[in-house]
PDB file of N, CA and C in Angstrom:
ATOM      1  N   MET A   1       7.662   1.928 -11.963  1.00  0.00           N
ATOM      2  CA  MET A   1       6.499   2.789 -11.793  1.00  0.00           C
ATOM      3  C   MET A   1       5.260   2.041 -12.288  1.00  0.00           C
ATOM      4  N   LEU A   2       4.167   2.233 -11.565  1.00  0.00           N
ATOM      5  CA  LEU A   2       2.916   1.604 -11.958  1.00  0.00           C
ATOM      6  C   LEU A   2       2.323   2.323 -13.160  1.00  0.00           C
ATOM      7  N   MET A   3       1.741   1.566 -14.065  1.00  0.00           N
ATOM      8  CA  MET A   3       1.157   2.119 -15.287  1.00  0.00           C
ATOM      9  C   MET A   3      -0.326   2.412 -15.056  1.00  0.00           C
ATOM     10  N   THR A   4      -0.604   3.434 -14.246  1.00  0.00           N
ATOM     11  CA  THR A   4      -1.984   3.846 -13.975  1.00  0.00           C
ATOM     12  C   THR A   4      -2.072   5.355 -14.205  1.00  0.00           C
ATOM     13  N   ASN A   5      -3.298   5.851 -14.186  1.00  0.00           N
ATOM     14  CA  ASN A   5      -3.514   7.294 -14.271  1.00  0.00           C
ATOM     15  C   ASN A   5      -3.711   7.911 -12.898  1.00  0.00           C
ATOM     16  N   LEU A   6      -3.407   7.166 -11.865  1.00  0.00           N
ATOM     17  CA  LEU A   6      -3.522   7.658 -10.497  1.00  0.00           C
ATOM     18  C   LEU A   6      -2.276   8.440 -10.120  1.00  0.00           C
ATOM     19  N   THR A   7      -2.383   9.212  -9.059  1.00  0.00           N
ATOM     20  CA  THR A   7      -1.208   9.859  -8.480  1.00  0.00           C
ATOM     21  C   THR A   7      -0.329   8.763  -7.891  1.00  0.00           C
ATOM     22  N   HIS A   8       0.956   8.789  -8.212  1.00  0.00           N
ATOM     23  CA  HIS A   8       1.904   7.798  -7.714  1.00  0.00           C
ATOM     24  C   HIS A   8       2.616   8.347  -6.486  1.00  0.00           C
ATOM     25  N   ILE A   9       2.625   7.578  -5.409  1.00  0.00           N
ATOM     26  CA  ILE A   9       3.410   7.939  -4.229  1.00  0.00           C
ATOM     27  C   ILE A   9       4.846   7.529  -4.529  1.00  0.00           C
ATOM     28  N   GLU A  10       5.753   8.507  -4.525  1.00  0.00           N
ATOM     29  CA  GLU A  10       7.115   8.248  -4.973  1.00  0.00           C
ATOM     30  C   GLU A  10       8.167   8.324  -3.875  1.00  0.00           C
ATOM     31  N   SER A  11       7.738   8.607  -2.640  1.00  0.00           N
ATOM     32  CA  SER A  11       8.673   8.641  -1.513  1.00  0.00           C
ATOM     33  C   SER A  11       7.882   8.638  -0.214  1.00  0.00           C
ATOM     34  N   GLU A  12       8.567   8.373   0.874  1.00  0.00           N
ATOM     35  CA  GLU A  12       7.909   8.421   2.177  1.00  0.00           C
ATOM     36  C   GLU A  12       7.425   9.837   2.482  1.00  0.00           C
ATOM     37  N   ASP A  13       8.224  10.835   2.116  1.00  0.00           N
ATOM     38  CA  ASP A  13       7.811  12.233   2.310  1.00  0.00           C
ATOM     39  C   ASP A  13       6.546  12.545   1.509  1.00  0.00           C
ATOM     40  N   HIS A  14       6.483  12.075   0.277  1.00  0.00           N
ATOM     41  CA  HIS A  14       5.303  12.293  -0.568  1.00  0.00           C
ATOM     42  C   HIS A  14       4.075  11.621   0.055  1.00  0.00           C
ATOM     43  N   PHE A  15       4.242  10.433   0.602  1.00  0.00           N
ATOM     44  CA  PHE A  15       3.158   9.737   1.293  1.00  0.00           C
ATOM     45  C   PHE A  15       2.666  10.579   2.468  1.00  0.00           C
ATOM     46  N   ASN A  16       3.586  11.029   3.308  1.00  0.00           N
ATOM     47  CA  ASN A  16       3.209  11.833   4.476  1.00  0.00           C
ATOM     48  C   ASN A  16       2.543  13.136   4.071  1.00  0.00           C
ATOM     49  N   GLN A  17       3.040  13.761   3.028  1.00  0.00           N
ATOM     50  CA  GLN A  17       2.450  14.996   2.521  1.00  0.00           C
ATOM     51  C   GLN A  17       1.023  14.740   2.009  1.00  0.00           C
ATOM     52  N   THR A  18       0.834  13.646   1.304  1.00  0.00           N
ATOM     53  CA  THR A  18      -0.487  13.305   0.787  1.00  0.00           C
ATOM     54  C   THR A  18      -1.483  13.133   1.930  1.00  0.00           C
ATOM     55  N   LEU A  19      -1.072  12.443   2.985  1.00  0.00           N
ATOM     56  CA  LEU A  19      -1.961  12.261   4.136  1.00  0.00           C
ATOM     57  C   LEU A  19      -2.238  13.574   4.856  1.00  0.00           C
ATOM     58  N   SER A  20      -1.248  14.434   4.943  1.00  0.00           N
ATOM     59  CA  SER A  20      -1.452  15.693   5.670  1.00  0.00           C
ATOM     60  C   SER A  20      -2.278  16.697   4.876  1.00  0.00           C
ATOM     61  N   GLU A  21      -2.250  16.618   3.559  1.00  0.00           N
ATOM     62  CA  GLU A  21      -2.972  17.583   2.719  1.00  0.00           C
ATOM     63  C   GLU A  21      -4.369  17.124   2.312  1.00  0.00           C
ATOM     64  N   ASN A  22      -4.737  15.891   2.609  1.00  0.00           N
ATOM     65  CA  ASN A  22      -6.025  15.342   2.190  1.00  0.00           C
ATOM     66  C   ASN A  22      -6.698  14.645   3.366  1.00  0.00           C
ATOM     67  N   LYS A  23      -7.943  15.008   3.617  1.00  0.00           N
ATOM     68  CA  LYS A  23      -8.684  14.407   4.723  1.00  0.00           C
ATOM     69  C   LYS A  23      -8.920  12.922   4.478  1.00  0.00           C
ATOM     70  N   ASN A  24      -9.299  12.553   3.261  1.00  0.00           N
ATOM     71  CA  ASN A  24      -9.649  11.182   2.913  1.00  0.00           C
ATOM     72  C   ASN A  24      -8.723  10.672   1.810  1.00  0.00           C
ATOM     73  N   VAL A  25      -8.040   9.558   2.076  1.00  0.00           N
ATOM     74  CA  VAL A  25      -7.074   9.020   1.117  1.00  0.00           C
ATOM     75  C   VAL A  25      -7.268   7.512   1.000  1.00  0.00           C
ATOM     76  N   MET A  26      -7.289   7.037  -0.238  1.00  0.00           N
ATOM     77  CA  MET A  26      -7.283   5.605  -0.522  1.00  0.00           C
ATOM     78  C   MET A  26      -5.963   5.284  -1.217  1.00  0.00           C
ATOM     79  N   VAL A  27      -5.191   4.383  -0.618  1.00  0.00           N
ATOM     80  CA  VAL A  27      -3.896   3.987  -1.166  1.00  0.00           C
ATOM     81  C   VAL A  27      -3.971   2.526  -1.593  1.00  0.00           C
ATOM     82  N   CYS A  28      -3.602   2.275  -2.835  1.00  0.00           N
ATOM     83  CA  CYS A  28      -3.513   0.907  -3.338  1.00  0.00           C
ATOM     84  C   CYS A  28      -2.035   0.592  -3.555  1.00  0.00           C
ATOM     85  N   CYS A  29      -1.514  -0.325  -2.760  1.00  0.00           N
ATOM     86  CA  CYS A  29      -0.106  -0.709  -2.822  1.00  0.00           C
ATOM     87  C   CYS A  29      -0.029  -2.068  -3.505  1.00  0.00           C
ATOM     88  N   GLY A  30       0.501  -2.076  -4.728  1.00  0.00           N
ATOM     89  CA  GLY A  30       0.512  -3.325  -5.473  1.00  0.00           C
ATOM     90  C   GLY A  30       1.483  -3.329  -6.628  1.00  0.00           C
ATOM     91  N   ARG A  31       1.195  -4.222  -7.552  1.00  0.00           N
ATOM     92  CA  ARG A  31       1.989  -4.399  -8.771  1.00  0.00           C
ATOM     93  C   ARG A  31       1.036  -4.323  -9.955  1.00  0.00           C
ATOM     94  N   MET A  32       1.577  -4.442 -11.162  1.00  0.00           N
ATOM     95  CA  MET A  32       0.743  -4.486 -12.366  1.00  0.00           C
ATOM     96  C   MET A  32       0.379  -5.939 -12.649  1.00  0.00           C
ATOM     97  N   GLY A  33      -0.413  -6.515 -11.751  1.00  0.00           N
ATOM     98  CA  GLY A  33      -0.805  -7.902 -11.881  1.00  0.00           C
ATOM     99  C   GLY A  33      -2.318  -8.054 -11.875  1.00  0.00           C
ATOM    100  N   PRO A  34      -2.800  -9.280 -12.082  1.00  0.00           N
ATOM    101  CA  PRO A  34      -4.230  -9.518 -12.256  1.00  0.00           C
ATOM    102  C   PRO A  34      -5.088  -9.224 -11.032  1.00  0.00           C
ATOM    103  N   MET A  35      -4.521  -9.239  -9.848  1.00  0.00           N
ATOM    104  CA  MET A  35      -5.294  -8.926  -8.646  1.00  0.00           C
ATOM    105  C   MET A  35      -5.325  -7.423  -8.386  1.00  0.00           C
ATOM    106  N   CYS A  36      -4.345  -6.706  -8.886  1.00  0.00           N
ATOM    107  CA  CYS A  36      -4.212  -5.271  -8.608  1.00  0.00           C
ATOM    108  C   CYS A  36      -4.866  -4.398  -9.676  1.00  0.00           C
ATOM    109  N   ILE A  37      -4.721  -4.764 -10.928  1.00  0.00           N
ATOM    110  CA  ILE A  37      -5.212  -3.927 -12.026  1.00  0.00           C
ATOM    111  C   ILE A  37      -6.696  -3.588 -11.888  1.00  0.00           C
ATOM    112  N   PRO A  38      -7.570  -4.546 -11.527  1.00  0.00           N
ATOM    113  CA  PRO A  38      -8.979  -4.169 -11.362  1.00  0.00           C
ATOM    114  C   PRO A  38      -9.200  -3.110 -10.281  1.00  0.00           C
ATOM    115  N   VAL A  39      -8.399  -3.135  -9.241  1.00  0.00           N
ATOM    116  CA  VAL A  39      -8.534  -2.136  -8.173  1.00  0.00           C
ATOM    117  C   VAL A  39      -8.094  -0.761  -8.689  1.00  0.00           C
ATOM    118  N   TYR A  40      -6.984  -0.712  -9.419  1.00  0.00           N
ATOM    119  CA  TYR A  40      -6.555   0.565 -10.009  1.00  0.00           C
ATOM    120  C   TYR A  40      -7.641   1.120 -10.926  1.00  0.00           C
ATOM    121  N   GLU A  41      -8.226   0.234 -11.745  1.00  0.00           N
ATOM    122  CA  GLU A  41      -9.268   0.684 -12.682  1.00  0.00           C
ATOM    123  C   GLU A  41     -10.479   1.248 -11.947  1.00  0.00           C
ATOM    124  N   VAL A  42     -10.893   0.601 -10.863  1.00  0.00           N
ATOM    125  CA  VAL A  42     -12.011   1.111 -10.061  1.00  0.00           C
ATOM    126  C   VAL A  42     -11.661   2.476  -9.488  1.00  0.00           C
ATOM    127  N   MET A  43     -10.465   2.610  -8.967  1.00  0.00           N
ATOM    128  CA  MET A  43     -10.038   3.893  -8.395  1.00  0.00           C
ATOM    129  C   MET A  43     -10.064   4.997  -9.451  1.00  0.00           C
ATOM    130  N   GLU A  44      -9.570   4.698 -10.644  1.00  0.00           N
ATOM    131  CA  GLU A  44      -9.579   5.686 -11.725  1.00  0.00           C
ATOM    132  C   GLU A  44     -11.008   6.092 -12.076  1.00  0.00           C
ATOM    133  N   GLU A  45     -11.916   5.125 -12.108  1.00  0.00           N
ATOM    134  CA  GLU A  45     -13.320   5.411 -12.421  1.00  0.00           C
ATOM    135  C   GLU A  45     -13.971   6.290 -11.355  1.00  0.00           C
ATOM    136  N   LEU A  46     -13.579   6.110 -10.117  1.00  0.00           N
ATOM    137  CA  LEU A  46     -14.236   6.792  -8.995  1.00  0.00           C
ATOM    138  C   LEU A  46     -13.684   8.182  -8.691  1.00  0.00           C
ATOM    139  N   GLU A  47     -12.556   8.537  -9.278  1.00  0.00           N
ATOM    140  CA  GLU A  47     -11.929   9.829  -8.950  1.00  0.00           C
ATOM    141  C   GLU A  47     -12.873  11.008  -9.142  1.00  0.00           C
ATOM    142  N   ASP A  48     -13.624  11.049 -10.224  1.00  0.00           N
ATOM    143  CA  ASP A  48     -14.537  12.172 -10.458  1.00  0.00           C
ATOM    144  C   ASP A  48     -15.770  12.106  -9.565  1.00  0.00           C
ATOM    145  N   GLU A  49     -16.239  10.893  -9.315  1.00  0.00           N
ATOM    146  CA  GLU A  49     -17.443  10.701  -8.501  1.00  0.00           C
ATOM    147  C   GLU A  49     -17.186  10.982  -7.016  1.00  0.00           C
ATOM    148  N   TYR A  50     -16.014  10.635  -6.547  1.00  0.00           N
ATOM    149  CA  TYR A  50     -15.629  10.826  -5.146  1.00  0.00           C
ATOM    150  C   TYR A  50     -14.507  11.864  -5.079  1.00  0.00           C
ATOM    151  N   ASN A  51     -14.837  13.092  -5.436  1.00  0.00           N
ATOM    152  CA  ASN A  51     -13.786  14.118  -5.466  1.00  0.00           C
ATOM    153  C   ASN A  51     -13.363  14.575  -4.075  1.00  0.00           C
ATOM    154  N   HIS A  52     -14.012  14.062  -3.030  1.00  0.00           N
ATOM    155  CA  HIS A  52     -13.600  14.351  -1.657  1.00  0.00           C
ATOM    156  C   HIS A  52     -12.617  13.296  -1.137  1.00  0.00           C
ATOM    157  N   VAL A  53     -12.188  12.388  -2.026  1.00  0.00           N
ATOM    158  CA  VAL A  53     -11.219  11.350  -1.684  1.00  0.00           C
ATOM    159  C   VAL A  53     -10.029  11.460  -2.626  1.00  0.00           C
ATOM    160  N   LYS A  54      -8.835  11.378  -2.080  1.00  0.00           N
ATOM    161  CA  LYS A  54      -7.614  11.352  -2.885  1.00  0.00           C
ATOM    162  C   LYS A  54      -7.260   9.886  -3.146  1.00  0.00           C
ATOM    163  N   PHE A  55      -7.196   9.500  -4.414  1.00  0.00           N
ATOM    164  CA  PHE A  55      -6.870   8.141  -4.817  1.00  0.00           C
ATOM    165  C   PHE A  55      -5.418   8.095  -5.279  1.00  0.00           C
ATOM    166  N   VAL A  56      -4.616   7.235  -4.660  1.00  0.00           N
ATOM    167  CA  VAL A  56      -3.198   7.150  -5.009  1.00  0.00           C
ATOM    168  C   VAL A  56      -2.763   5.690  -5.067  1.00  0.00           C
ATOM    169  N   ASP A  57      -1.691   5.463  -5.809  1.00  0.00           N
ATOM    170  CA  ASP A  57      -1.099   4.130  -5.822  1.00  0.00           C
ATOM    171  C   ASP A  57       0.331   4.194  -5.316  1.00  0.00           C
ATOM    172  N   LEU A  58       0.828   3.021  -4.962  1.00  0.00           N
ATOM    173  CA  LEU A  58       2.175   2.889  -4.417  1.00  0.00           C
ATOM    174  C   LEU A  58       2.710   1.544  -4.868  1.00  0.00           C
ATOM    175  N   GLU A  59       3.871   1.560  -5.497  1.00  0.00           N
ATOM    176  CA  GLU A  59       4.467   0.325  -6.005  1.00  0.00           C
ATOM    177  C   GLU A  59       4.936  -0.543  -4.842  1.00  0.00           C
ATOM    178  N   PHE A  60       4.417  -1.774  -4.779  1.00  0.00           N
ATOM    179  CA  PHE A  60       4.688  -2.673  -3.668  1.00  0.00           C
ATOM    180  C   PHE A  60       6.176  -2.950  -3.484  1.00  0.00           C
ATOM    181  N   ASP A  61       6.913  -3.013  -4.572  1.00  0.00           N
ATOM    182  CA  ASP A  61       8.335  -3.364  -4.498  1.00  0.00           C
ATOM    183  C   ASP A  61       9.261  -2.165  -4.330  1.00  0.00           C
ATOM    184  N   SER A  62       8.723  -0.979  -4.134  1.00  0.00           N
ATOM    185  CA  SER A  62       9.580   0.194  -3.940  1.00  0.00           C
ATOM    186  C   SER A  62      10.103   0.230  -2.505  1.00  0.00           C
ATOM    187  N   ALA A  63      11.217   0.901  -2.332  1.00  0.00           N
ATOM    188  CA  ALA A  63      11.833   0.997  -1.004  1.00  0.00           C
ATOM    189  C   ALA A  63      10.915   1.679   0.007  1.00  0.00           C
ATOM    190  N   HIS A  64      10.091   2.618  -0.446  1.00  0.00           N
ATOM    191  CA  HIS A  64       9.239   3.377   0.484  1.00  0.00           C
ATOM    192  C   HIS A  64       7.878   2.734   0.730  1.00  0.00           C
ATOM    193  N   SER A  65       7.624   1.557   0.149  1.00  0.00           N
ATOM    194  CA  SER A  65       6.322   0.904   0.356  1.00  0.00           C
ATOM    195  C   SER A  65       6.161   0.385   1.784  1.00  0.00           C
ATOM    196  N   HIS A  66       7.214   0.436   2.553  1.00  0.00           N
ATOM    197  CA  HIS A  66       7.113   0.018   3.952  1.00  0.00           C
ATOM    198  C   HIS A  66       6.080   0.834   4.712  1.00  0.00           C
ATOM    199  N   VAL A  67       5.774   2.040   4.218  1.00  0.00           N
ATOM    200  CA  VAL A  67       4.781   2.883   4.901  1.00  0.00           C
ATOM    201  C   VAL A  67       3.406   2.219   4.901  1.00  0.00           C
ATOM    202  N   ILE A  68       3.160   1.338   3.954  1.00  0.00           N
ATOM    203  CA  ILE A  68       1.919   0.557   3.914  1.00  0.00           C
ATOM    204  C   ILE A  68       2.173  -0.866   4.417  1.00  0.00           C
ATOM    205  N   ARG A  69       3.191  -1.509   3.900  1.00  0.00           N
ATOM    206  CA  ARG A  69       3.450  -2.912   4.233  1.00  0.00           C
ATOM    207  C   ARG A  69       3.640  -3.142   5.733  1.00  0.00           C
ATOM    208  N   MET A  70       4.194  -2.177   6.435  1.00  0.00           N
ATOM    209  CA  MET A  70       4.500  -2.348   7.854  1.00  0.00           C
ATOM    210  C   MET A  70       3.395  -1.863   8.791  1.00  0.00           C
ATOM    211  N   LEU A  71       2.298  -1.390   8.256  1.00  0.00           N
ATOM    212  CA  LEU A  71       1.188  -0.986   9.112  1.00  0.00           C
ATOM    213  C   LEU A  71       0.672  -2.203   9.879  1.00  0.00           C
ATOM    214  N   PRO A  72       0.317  -2.037  11.151  1.00  0.00           N
ATOM    215  CA  PRO A  72      -0.241  -3.165  11.910  1.00  0.00           C
ATOM    216  C   PRO A  72      -1.463  -3.777  11.218  1.00  0.00           C
ATOM    217  N   GLU A  73      -2.261  -2.952  10.573  1.00  0.00           N
ATOM    218  CA  GLU A  73      -3.469  -3.424   9.893  1.00  0.00           C
ATOM    219  C   GLU A  73      -3.162  -4.311   8.695  1.00  0.00           C
ATOM    220  N   CYS A  74      -1.932  -4.279   8.201  1.00  0.00           N
ATOM    221  CA  CYS A  74      -1.549  -5.060   7.013  1.00  0.00           C
ATOM    222  C   CYS A  74      -0.664  -6.261   7.340  1.00  0.00           C
ATOM    223  N   GLN A  75      -0.319  -6.458   8.578  1.00  0.00           N
ATOM    224  CA  GLN A  75       0.642  -7.499   8.951  1.00  0.00           C
ATOM    225  C   GLN A  75       0.212  -8.908   8.598  1.00  0.00           C
ATOM    226  N   THR A  76      -1.080  -9.178   8.549  1.00  0.00           N
ATOM    227  CA  THR A  76      -1.537 -10.538   8.243  1.00  0.00           C
ATOM    228  C   THR A  76      -1.902 -10.732   6.772  1.00  0.00           C
ATOM    229  N   PHE A  77      -1.738  -9.704   5.962  1.00  0.00           N
ATOM    230  CA  PHE A  77      -2.120  -9.785   4.556  1.00  0.00           C
ATOM    231  C   PHE A  77      -1.174 -10.697   3.786  1.00  0.00           C
ATOM    232  N   ASN A  78      -1.746 -11.505   2.906  1.00  0.00           N
ATOM    233  CA  ASN A  78      -0.956 -12.392   2.050  1.00  0.00           C
ATOM    234  C   ASN A  78      -1.105 -12.053   0.580  1.00  0.00           C
ATOM    235  N   GLY A  79      -2.237 -11.469   0.181  1.00  0.00           N
ATOM    236  CA  GLY A  79      -2.494 -11.216  -1.223  1.00  0.00           C
ATOM    237  C   GLY A  79      -2.390  -9.743  -1.585  1.00  0.00           C
ATOM    238  N   LEU A  80      -1.943  -9.493  -2.797  1.00  0.00           N
ATOM    239  CA  LEU A  80      -1.881  -8.119  -3.305  1.00  0.00           C
ATOM    240  C   LEU A  80      -3.193  -7.787  -4.002  1.00  0.00           C
ATOM    241  N   PRO A  81      -3.536  -6.520  -4.059  1.00  0.00           N
ATOM    242  CA  PRO A  81      -2.860  -5.380  -3.455  1.00  0.00           C
ATOM    243  C   PRO A  81      -3.253  -5.205  -1.989  1.00  0.00           C
ATOM    244  N   PHE A  82      -2.446  -4.408  -1.295  1.00  0.00           N
ATOM    245  CA  PHE A  82      -2.810  -3.935   0.031  1.00  0.00           C
ATOM    246  C   PHE A  82      -3.513  -2.598  -0.203  1.00  0.00           C
ATOM    247  N   VAL A  83      -4.738  -2.473   0.242  1.00  0.00           N
ATOM    248  CA  VAL A  83      -5.492  -1.237   0.058  1.00  0.00           C
ATOM    249  C   VAL A  83      -5.797  -0.666   1.436  1.00  0.00           C
ATOM    250  N   VAL A  84      -5.378   0.579   1.642  1.00  0.00           N
ATOM    251  CA  VAL A  84      -5.552   1.202   2.946  1.00  0.00           C
ATOM    252  C   VAL A  84      -6.292   2.522   2.767  1.00  0.00           C
ATOM    253  N   TYR A  85      -7.289   2.707   3.606  1.00  0.00           N
ATOM    254  CA  TYR A  85      -8.125   3.902   3.593  1.00  0.00           C
ATOM    255  C   TYR A  85      -7.779   4.734   4.828  1.00  0.00           C
ATOM    256  N   PHE A  86      -7.417   5.994   4.604  1.00  0.00           N
ATOM    257  CA  PHE A  86      -7.023   6.892   5.684  1.00  0.00           C
ATOM    258  C   PHE A  86      -8.007   8.053   5.793  1.00  0.00           C
ATOM    259  N   ARG A  87      -8.371   8.395   7.015  1.00  0.00           N
ATOM    260  CA  ARG A  87      -9.128   9.619   7.277  1.00  0.00           C
ATOM    261  C   ARG A  87      -8.358  10.396   8.332  1.00  0.00           C
ATOM    262  N   ASP A  88      -8.066  11.645   8.018  1.00  0.00           N
ATOM    263  CA  ASP A  88      -7.272  12.493   8.914  1.00  0.00           C
ATOM    264  C   ASP A  88      -5.942  11.834   9.285  1.00  0.00           C
ATOM    265  N   GLY A  89      -5.342  11.129   8.320  1.00  0.00           N
ATOM    266  CA  GLY A  89      -4.034  10.521   8.528  1.00  0.00           C
ATOM    267  C   GLY A  89      -4.045   9.225   9.301  1.00  0.00           C
ATOM    268  N   LYS A  90      -5.220   8.746   9.695  1.00  0.00           N
ATOM    269  CA  LYS A  90      -5.330   7.509  10.468  1.00  0.00           C
ATOM    270  C   LYS A  90      -6.030   6.428   9.633  1.00  0.00           C
ATOM    271  N   VAL A  91      -5.611   5.194   9.802  1.00  0.00           N
ATOM    272  CA  VAL A  91      -6.209   4.074   9.083  1.00  0.00           C
ATOM    273  C   VAL A  91      -7.625   3.847   9.605  1.00  0.00           C
ATOM    274  N   VAL A  92      -8.595   3.822   8.676  1.00  0.00           N
ATOM    275  CA  VAL A  92      -9.970   3.497   9.055  1.00  0.00           C
ATOM    276  C   VAL A  92     -10.390   2.137   8.505  1.00  0.00           C
ATOM    277  N   LYS A  93      -9.643   1.634   7.513  1.00  0.00           N
ATOM    278  CA  LYS A  93      -9.956   0.330   6.917  1.00  0.00           C
ATOM    279  C   LYS A  93      -8.742  -0.115   6.108  1.00  0.00           C
ATOM    280  N   ALA A  94      -8.493  -1.406   6.118  1.00  0.00           N
ATOM    281  CA  ALA A  94      -7.424  -1.969   5.291  1.00  0.00           C
ATOM    282  C   ALA A  94      -7.910  -3.318   4.760  1.00  0.00           C
ATOM    283  N   THR A  95      -7.680  -3.544   3.485  1.00  0.00           N
ATOM    284  CA  THR A  95      -8.091  -4.786   2.836  1.00  0.00           C
ATOM    285  C   THR A  95      -6.955  -5.292   1.953  1.00  0.00           C
ATOM    286  N   SER A  96      -7.055  -6.558   1.574  1.00  0.00           N
ATOM    287  CA  SER A  96      -6.078  -7.097   0.634  1.00  0.00           C
ATOM    288  C   SER A  96      -6.794  -7.936  -0.408  1.00  0.00           C
ATOM    289  N   SER A  97      -6.099  -8.176  -1.472  1.00  0.00           N
ATOM    290  CA  SER A  97      -6.575  -8.947  -2.623  1.00  0.00           C
ATOM    291  C   SER A  97      -7.534  -8.123  -3.474  1.00  0.00           C
ATOM    292  N   ILE A  98      -8.014  -8.742  -4.518  1.00  0.00           N
ATOM    293  CA  ILE A  98      -8.828  -8.052  -5.511  1.00  0.00           C
ATOM    294  C   ILE A  98     -10.105  -7.494  -4.865  1.00  0.00           C
ATOM    295  N   GLN A  99     -10.493  -6.320  -5.321  1.00  0.00           N
ATOM    296  CA  GLN A  99     -11.735  -5.689  -4.887  1.00  0.00           C
ATOM    297  C   GLN A  99     -12.416  -5.118  -6.117  1.00  0.00           C
ATOM    298  N   TYR A 100     -13.718  -5.189  -6.081  1.00  0.00           N
ATOM    299  CA  TYR A 100     -14.507  -4.672  -7.191  1.00  0.00           C
ATOM    300  C   TYR A 100     -15.198  -3.393  -6.774  1.00  0.00           C
ATOM    301  N   ARG A 101     -15.785  -2.715  -7.733  1.00  0.00           N
ATOM    302  CA  ARG A 101     -16.377  -1.396  -7.524  1.00  0.00           C
ATOM    303  C   ARG A 101     -17.335  -1.362  -6.331  1.00  0.00           C
ATOM    304  N   ASP A 102     -18.237  -2.331  -6.236  1.00  0.00           N
ATOM    305  CA  ASP A 102     -19.211  -2.285  -5.142  1.00  0.00           C
ATOM    306  C   ASP A 102     -18.553  -2.447  -3.778  1.00  0.00           C
ATOM    307  N   GLN A 103     -17.479  -3.216  -3.703  1.00  0.00           N
ATOM    308  CA  GLN A 103     -16.756  -3.362  -2.444  1.00  0.00           C
ATOM    309  C   GLN A 103     -16.049  -2.055  -2.067  1.00  0.00           C
ATOM    310  N   VAL A 104     -15.418  -1.436  -3.044  1.00  0.00           N
ATOM    311  CA  VAL A 104     -14.705  -0.181  -2.789  1.00  0.00           C
ATOM    312  C   VAL A 104     -15.685   0.934  -2.427  1.00  0.00           C
ATOM    313  N   THR A 105     -16.759   1.077  -3.186  1.00  0.00           N
ATOM    314  CA  THR A 105     -17.712   2.158  -2.900  1.00  0.00           C
ATOM    315  C   THR A 105     -18.385   1.955  -1.547  1.00  0.00           C
ATOM    316  N   SER A 106     -18.605   0.723  -1.157  1.00  0.00           N
ATOM    317  CA  SER A 106     -19.179   0.455   0.156  1.00  0.00           C
ATOM    318  C   SER A 106     -18.269   0.981   1.267  1.00  0.00           C
ATOM    319  N   ILE A 107     -16.988   0.738   1.136  1.00  0.00           N
ATOM    320  CA  ILE A 107     -16.020   1.232   2.126  1.00  0.00           C
ATOM    321  C   ILE A 107     -15.943   2.753   2.076  1.00  0.00           C
ATOM    322  N   LEU A 108     -15.868   3.321   0.876  1.00  0.00           N
ATOM    323  CA  LEU A 108     -15.803   4.776   0.746  1.00  0.00           C
ATOM    324  C   LEU A 108     -17.033   5.432   1.359  1.00  0.00           C
ATOM    325  N   ASP A 109     -18.208   4.885   1.073  1.00  0.00           N
ATOM    326  CA  ASP A 109     -19.448   5.462   1.601  1.00  0.00           C
ATOM    327  C   ASP A 109     -19.537   5.335   3.115  1.00  0.00           C
ATOM    328  N   GLU A 110     -19.002   4.270   3.648  1.00  0.00           N
ATOM    329  CA  GLU A 110     -19.043   4.070   5.095  1.00  0.00           C
ATOM    330  C   GLU A 110     -18.100   5.013   5.838  1.00  0.00           C
ATOM    331  N   HIS A 111     -16.924   5.232   5.281  1.00  0.00           N
ATOM    332  CA  HIS A 111     -15.884   5.958   6.018  1.00  0.00           C
ATOM    333  C   HIS A 111     -15.641   7.393   5.569  1.00  0.00           C
ATOM    334  N   PHE A 112     -16.023   7.747   4.338  1.00  0.00           N
ATOM    335  CA  PHE A 112     -15.699   9.075   3.798  1.00  0.00           C
ATOM    336  C   PHE A 112     -16.948   9.778   3.289  1.00  0.00           C
ATOM    337  N   THR A 113     -17.628  10.505   4.135  1.00  0.00           N
ATOM    338  CA  THR A 113     -18.794  11.242   3.682  1.00  0.00           C
ATOM    339  C   THR A 113     -18.385  12.623   3.182  1.00  0.00           C
ATOM    340  N   VAL A 114     -19.135  13.139   2.243  1.00  0.00           N
ATOM    341  CA  VAL A 114     -18.847  14.459   1.675  1.00  0.00           C
ATOM    342  C   VAL A 114     -18.918  15.526   2.753  1.00  0.00           C
ATOM    343  N   GLU A 115     -19.915  15.452   3.611  1.00  0.00           N
ATOM    344  CA  GLU A 115     -20.103  16.474   4.641  1.00  0.00           C
ATOM    345  C   GLU A 115     -18.897  16.563   5.561  1.00  0.00           C
ATOM    346  N   GLU A 116     -18.334  15.404   5.940  1.00  0.00           N
ATOM    347  CA  GLU A 116     -17.173  15.406   6.820  1.00  0.00           C
ATOM    348  C   GLU A 116     -15.959  16.032   6.148  1.00  0.00           C
ATOM    349  N   SER A 117     -15.831  15.866   4.851  1.00  0.00           N
ATOM    350  CA  SER A 117     -14.652  16.391   4.166  1.00  0.00           C
ATOM    351  C   SER A 117     -14.686  17.902   4.035  1.00  0.00           C
ATOM    352  N   ILE A 118     -15.873  18.499   4.176  1.00  0.00           N
ATOM    353  CA  ILE A 118     -16.014  19.956   4.057  1.00  0.00           C
ATOM    354  C   ILE A 118     -15.607  20.653   5.337  1.00  0.00           C
ATOM    355  N   LYS A 119     -15.755  19.987   6.467  1.00  0.00           N
ATOM    356  CA  LYS A 119     -15.464  20.584   7.772  1.00  0.00           C
ATOM    357  C   LYS A 119     -14.011  20.967   7.915  1.00  0.00           C
TER     358      LYS A 119
END
């Protein structure tokens, strides 16, 4: 299990439920390593500021991580973490490797507006 304060995706069913119950979802699929920890920390910081986005993590080495690893958008990724942004259950952006707050907020602001989440 990842040592974060984020919601942990613990099964494929839980992943599907998270996507169906939340309009905007950011999933960070990784390990507790130097490229992933900064992304988890940014996500934890942004949870209150972006309350229209569900922030979750997924352990890269778990059996159910295939839900992220096998996405067409992630097939060319080499570095951890794999970060996937979903709107209405569909991928709107996918990135890999370390990301900092300004990179994450730029993606969130581009793809997840508050007004859209209210509809």
